[in-house]
Amino acid sequence: MDTQKIHLLIDSLGGQIVSDGKAGDVLAELVKETLRFRDKLEQERGVIFTIEDTRIALEGLEKFLNGEDWKQNLTGEQSALLQIWIDRITIFDK
């Protein structure tokens, strides 16, 4: 998964999700965590996390932020990344 594509995807979709003054910081953190997660999956398990996986996780994040059920139809990896994002966003809210 191309790092530049991750940046573009999270910037375009994430900008719709996070709209307050911290949006830039939050989006930068989401990109950082996504890249870390992608690299760890590949190194430790040989699993390739795709742009499509990231897009689906972002849709789940949007549902989470809207108070909707976000756990439907996610793979284990997609759900794990989404939980990482939720944890990081929670830190920004404090």
N, C-alpha and C. Protein backbone atom coordinates (compact mmCIF):
# COMPACT_ATOMS: atom_id res chain seq x y z
N MET A 1 0.86 -1.17 0.00
CA MET A 1 0.00 0.00 0.00
C MET A 1 0.91 1.23 0.00
N ASP A 2 0.70 2.08 -0.93
CA ASP A 2 1.50 3.27 -1.14
C ASP A 2 1.22 4.32 -0.05
N THR A 3 2.27 4.83 0.56
CA THR A 3 2.14 5.83 1.62
C THR A 3 1.43 7.08 1.14
N GLN A 4 1.75 7.54 -0.05
CA GLN A 4 1.10 8.74 -0.59
C GLN A 4 -0.40 8.51 -0.77
N LYS A 5 -0.79 7.32 -1.20
CA LYS A 5 -2.22 7.02 -1.36
C LYS A 5 -2.94 7.03 -0.02
N ILE A 6 -2.26 6.56 1.02
CA ILE A 6 -2.86 6.60 2.36
C ILE A 6 -3.11 8.05 2.77
N HIS A 7 -2.13 8.90 2.56
CA HIS A 7 -2.29 10.32 2.89
C HIS A 7 -3.48 10.92 2.15
N LEU A 8 -3.55 10.66 0.85
CA LEU A 8 -4.63 11.22 0.05
C LEU A 8 -5.99 10.70 0.50
N LEU A 9 -6.07 9.41 0.77
CA LEU A 9 -7.34 8.82 1.18
C LEU A 9 -7.81 9.37 2.51
N ILE A 10 -6.93 9.39 3.49
CA ILE A 10 -7.33 9.88 4.81
C ILE A 10 -7.61 11.37 4.77
N ASP A 11 -6.83 12.11 4.01
CA ASP A 11 -7.11 13.55 3.89
C ASP A 11 -8.47 13.80 3.26
N SER A 12 -8.78 13.07 2.19
CA SER A 12 -10.04 13.33 1.50
C SER A 12 -11.24 12.83 2.29
N LEU A 13 -11.18 11.63 2.81
CA LEU A 13 -12.31 11.10 3.57
C LEU A 13 -12.29 11.60 5.01
N GLY A 14 -11.12 11.70 5.58
CA GLY A 14 -11.02 12.14 6.97
C GLY A 14 -11.43 13.58 7.16
N GLY A 15 -11.19 14.42 6.16
CA GLY A 15 -11.60 15.81 6.25
C GLY A 15 -13.11 15.96 6.38
N GLN A 16 -13.83 15.00 5.89
CA GLN A 16 -15.28 15.00 6.03
C GLN A 16 -15.71 14.55 7.42
N ILE A 17 -14.86 13.79 8.08
CA ILE A 17 -15.20 13.22 9.39
C ILE A 17 -14.85 14.18 10.52
N VAL A 18 -13.67 14.77 10.46
CA VAL A 18 -13.18 15.64 11.53
C VAL A 18 -13.22 17.07 11.02
N SER A 19 -14.01 17.90 11.66
CA SER A 19 -14.18 19.25 11.13
C SER A 19 -13.81 20.36 12.10
N ASP A 20 -13.27 20.03 13.28
CA ASP A 20 -12.93 21.10 14.22
C ASP A 20 -11.51 21.60 14.00
N GLY A 21 -11.05 22.48 14.85
CA GLY A 21 -9.74 23.08 14.70
C GLY A 21 -8.57 22.12 14.82
N LYS A 22 -8.82 20.94 15.36
CA LYS A 22 -7.77 19.94 15.53
C LYS A 22 -7.68 18.98 14.35
N ALA A 23 -8.43 19.23 13.31
CA ALA A 23 -8.52 18.28 12.20
C ALA A 23 -7.15 17.92 11.64
N GLY A 24 -6.29 18.90 11.42
CA GLY A 24 -4.97 18.61 10.87
C GLY A 24 -4.15 17.69 11.75
N ASP A 25 -4.19 17.94 13.05
CA ASP A 25 -3.46 17.09 13.99
C ASP A 25 -4.03 15.68 14.03
N VAL A 26 -5.35 15.60 14.04
CA VAL A 26 -6.01 14.30 14.09
C VAL A 26 -5.71 13.50 12.83
N LEU A 27 -5.82 14.15 11.67
CA LEU A 27 -5.57 13.45 10.41
C LEU A 27 -4.11 12.99 10.31
N ALA A 28 -3.18 13.82 10.76
CA ALA A 28 -1.77 13.43 10.75
C ALA A 28 -1.56 12.20 11.64
N GLU A 29 -2.23 12.18 12.77
CA GLU A 29 -2.11 11.03 13.68
C GLU A 29 -2.71 9.78 13.05
N LEU A 30 -3.84 9.92 12.37
CA LEU A 30 -4.47 8.77 11.72
C LEU A 30 -3.55 8.20 10.63
N VAL A 31 -2.92 9.07 9.88
CA VAL A 31 -1.99 8.61 8.84
C VAL A 31 -0.82 7.88 9.49
N LYS A 32 -0.25 8.46 10.53
CA LYS A 32 0.89 7.84 11.21
C LYS A 32 0.53 6.45 11.74
N GLU A 33 -0.62 6.36 12.39
CA GLU A 33 -1.04 5.07 12.95
C GLU A 33 -1.35 4.06 11.86
N THR A 34 -1.91 4.52 10.75
CA THR A 34 -2.21 3.63 9.63
C THR A 34 -0.93 3.04 9.06
N LEU A 35 0.06 3.88 8.85
CA LEU A 35 1.34 3.40 8.31
C LEU A 35 2.04 2.44 9.27
N ARG A 36 1.99 2.75 10.54
CA ARG A 36 2.58 1.88 11.55
C ARG A 36 1.88 0.52 11.55
N PHE A 37 0.55 0.55 11.51
CA PHE A 37 -0.25 -0.68 11.51
C PHE A 37 0.04 -1.50 10.25
N ARG A 38 0.06 -0.83 9.09
CA ARG A 38 0.34 -1.51 7.82
C ARG A 38 1.69 -2.22 7.87
N ASP A 39 2.71 -1.50 8.32
CA ASP A 39 4.06 -2.07 8.36
C ASP A 39 4.15 -3.23 9.34
N LYS A 40 3.51 -3.09 10.48
CA LYS A 40 3.54 -4.15 11.49
C LYS A 40 2.85 -5.41 10.98
N LEU A 41 1.71 -5.26 10.32
CA LEU A 41 1.01 -6.42 9.76
C LEU A 41 1.89 -7.14 8.75
N GLU A 42 2.53 -6.37 7.89
CA GLU A 42 3.35 -6.99 6.85
C GLU A 42 4.58 -7.68 7.44
N GLN A 43 5.24 -7.04 8.39
CA GLN A 43 6.45 -7.61 8.99
C GLN A 43 6.17 -8.82 9.85
N GLU A 44 5.13 -8.73 10.67
CA GLU A 44 4.89 -9.80 11.65
C GLU A 44 4.05 -10.95 11.10
N ARG A 45 3.15 -10.65 10.16
CA ARG A 45 2.23 -11.70 9.70
C ARG A 45 2.23 -11.89 8.19
N GLY A 46 2.96 -11.05 7.47
CA GLY A 46 2.99 -11.16 6.02
C GLY A 46 1.67 -10.75 5.37
N VAL A 47 0.84 -10.01 6.09
CA VAL A 47 -0.46 -9.57 5.60
C VAL A 47 -0.32 -8.20 4.95
N ILE A 48 -0.87 -8.06 3.76
CA ILE A 48 -0.86 -6.79 3.05
C ILE A 48 -2.18 -6.08 3.34
N PHE A 49 -2.09 -4.91 3.95
CA PHE A 49 -3.26 -4.08 4.25
C PHE A 49 -3.41 -3.08 3.11
N THR A 50 -4.53 -3.13 2.43
CA THR A 50 -4.71 -2.38 1.18
C THR A 50 -5.37 -1.01 1.40
N ILE A 51 -5.36 -0.23 0.33
CA ILE A 51 -6.06 1.05 0.33
C ILE A 51 -7.55 0.80 0.57
N GLU A 52 -8.09 -0.24 -0.04
CA GLU A 52 -9.50 -0.57 0.15
C GLU A 52 -9.79 -0.89 1.62
N ASP A 53 -8.88 -1.61 2.28
CA ASP A 53 -9.03 -1.88 3.72
C ASP A 53 -9.09 -0.57 4.50
N THR A 54 -8.22 0.36 4.14
CA THR A 54 -8.18 1.65 4.82
C THR A 54 -9.47 2.42 4.58
N ARG A 55 -9.97 2.40 3.35
CA ARG A 55 -11.21 3.09 3.03
C ARG A 55 -12.38 2.52 3.84
N ILE A 56 -12.45 1.22 3.94
CA ILE A 56 -13.52 0.58 4.70
C ILE A 56 -13.41 0.93 6.18
N ALA A 57 -12.19 0.96 6.71
CA ALA A 57 -12.01 1.36 8.11
C ALA A 57 -12.43 2.81 8.32
N LEU A 58 -12.14 3.68 7.35
CA LEU A 58 -12.56 5.08 7.45
C LEU A 58 -14.08 5.21 7.45
N GLU A 59 -14.74 4.39 6.65
CA GLU A 59 -16.21 4.40 6.67
C GLU A 59 -16.72 3.97 8.05
N GLY A 60 -16.04 2.98 8.65
CA GLY A 60 -16.41 2.57 10.00
C GLY A 60 -16.18 3.68 11.01
N LEU A 61 -15.11 4.44 10.83
CA LEU A 61 -14.83 5.56 11.72
C LEU A 61 -15.92 6.62 11.62
N GLU A 62 -16.35 6.89 10.40
CA GLU A 62 -17.42 7.86 10.20
C GLU A 62 -18.69 7.39 10.92
N LYS A 63 -19.00 6.10 10.79
CA LYS A 63 -20.18 5.55 11.48
C LYS A 63 -20.02 5.68 12.99
N PHE A 64 -18.84 5.37 13.50
CA PHE A 64 -18.58 5.49 14.94
C PHE A 64 -18.83 6.92 15.41
N LEU A 65 -18.29 7.88 14.68
CA LEU A 65 -18.43 9.27 15.07
C LEU A 65 -19.88 9.76 14.98
N ASN A 66 -20.68 9.11 14.14
CA ASN A 66 -22.09 9.45 14.01
C ASN A 66 -22.97 8.64 14.96
N GLY A 67 -22.35 7.82 15.81
CA GLY A 67 -23.10 7.02 16.77
C GLY A 67 -23.79 5.82 16.17
N GLU A 68 -23.36 5.39 15.00
CA GLU A 68 -23.95 4.24 14.32
C GLU A 68 -23.14 2.98 14.60
N ASP A 69 -23.74 1.83 14.29
CA ASP A 69 -23.03 0.56 14.45
C ASP A 69 -21.91 0.49 13.41
N TRP A 70 -20.68 0.37 13.87
CA TRP A 70 -19.53 0.41 12.96
C TRP A 70 -18.85 -0.93 12.82
N LYS A 71 -19.31 -1.95 13.53
CA LYS A 71 -18.60 -3.24 13.53
C LYS A 71 -19.02 -4.19 12.41
N GLN A 72 -20.08 -3.85 11.69
CA GLN A 72 -20.57 -4.75 10.66
C GLN A 72 -19.62 -4.83 9.47
N ASN A 73 -19.43 -6.04 8.99
CA ASN A 73 -18.71 -6.30 7.74
C ASN A 73 -17.26 -5.86 7.73
N LEU A 74 -16.61 -5.79 8.87
CA LEU A 74 -15.19 -5.45 8.91
C LEU A 74 -14.37 -6.71 9.14
N THR A 75 -13.24 -6.80 8.46
CA THR A 75 -12.32 -7.90 8.75
C THR A 75 -11.65 -7.62 10.09
N GLY A 76 -10.94 -8.59 10.61
CA GLY A 76 -10.22 -8.40 11.86
C GLY A 76 -9.21 -7.27 11.78
N GLU A 77 -8.51 -7.19 10.65
CA GLU A 77 -7.50 -6.14 10.47
C GLU A 77 -8.15 -4.76 10.36
N GLN A 78 -9.23 -4.66 9.61
CA GLN A 78 -9.93 -3.38 9.46
C GLN A 78 -10.46 -2.91 10.82
N SER A 79 -11.03 -3.84 11.55
CA SER A 79 -11.56 -3.52 12.88
C SER A 79 -10.44 -3.10 13.83
N ALA A 80 -9.30 -3.76 13.75
CA ALA A 80 -8.17 -3.41 14.62
C ALA A 80 -7.67 -2.00 14.32
N LEU A 81 -7.55 -1.65 13.03
CA LEU A 81 -7.12 -0.30 12.68
C LEU A 81 -8.14 0.72 13.16
N LEU A 82 -9.40 0.43 12.97
CA LEU A 82 -10.45 1.34 13.42
C LEU A 82 -10.37 1.55 14.93
N GLN A 83 -10.12 0.50 15.69
CA GLN A 83 -10.00 0.65 17.14
C GLN A 83 -8.79 1.50 17.51
N ILE A 84 -7.70 1.35 16.78
CA ILE A 84 -6.52 2.20 17.00
C ILE A 84 -6.90 3.66 16.79
N TRP A 85 -7.61 3.93 15.69
CA TRP A 85 -8.03 5.31 15.41
C TRP A 85 -8.93 5.85 16.50
N ILE A 86 -9.89 5.05 16.93
CA ILE A 86 -10.82 5.49 17.98
C ILE A 86 -10.04 5.83 19.24
N ASP A 87 -9.09 4.98 19.60
CA ASP A 87 -8.26 5.25 20.78
C ASP A 87 -7.49 6.55 20.63
N ARG A 88 -6.92 6.79 19.46
CA ARG A 88 -6.14 8.01 19.23
C ARG A 88 -7.04 9.25 19.25
N ILE A 89 -8.20 9.17 18.64
CA ILE A 89 -9.12 10.31 18.63
C ILE A 89 -9.60 10.62 20.05
N THR A 90 -9.81 9.60 20.83
CA THR A 90 -10.22 9.78 22.22
C THR A 90 -9.17 10.59 22.99
N ILE A 91 -7.91 10.35 22.70
CA ILE A 91 -6.83 11.08 23.34
C ILE A 91 -6.91 12.56 22.97
N PHE A 92 -7.22 12.86 21.68
CA PHE A 92 -7.34 14.26 21.25
C PHE A 92 -8.51 14.97 21.91
N ASP A 93 -9.56 14.25 22.25
CA ASP A 93 -10.73 14.86 22.87
C ASP A 93 -10.50 15.26 24.31
N LYS A 94 -9.46 14.73 24.92
CA LYS A 94 -9.21 15.02 26.35
C LYS A 94 -8.46 16.30 26.52
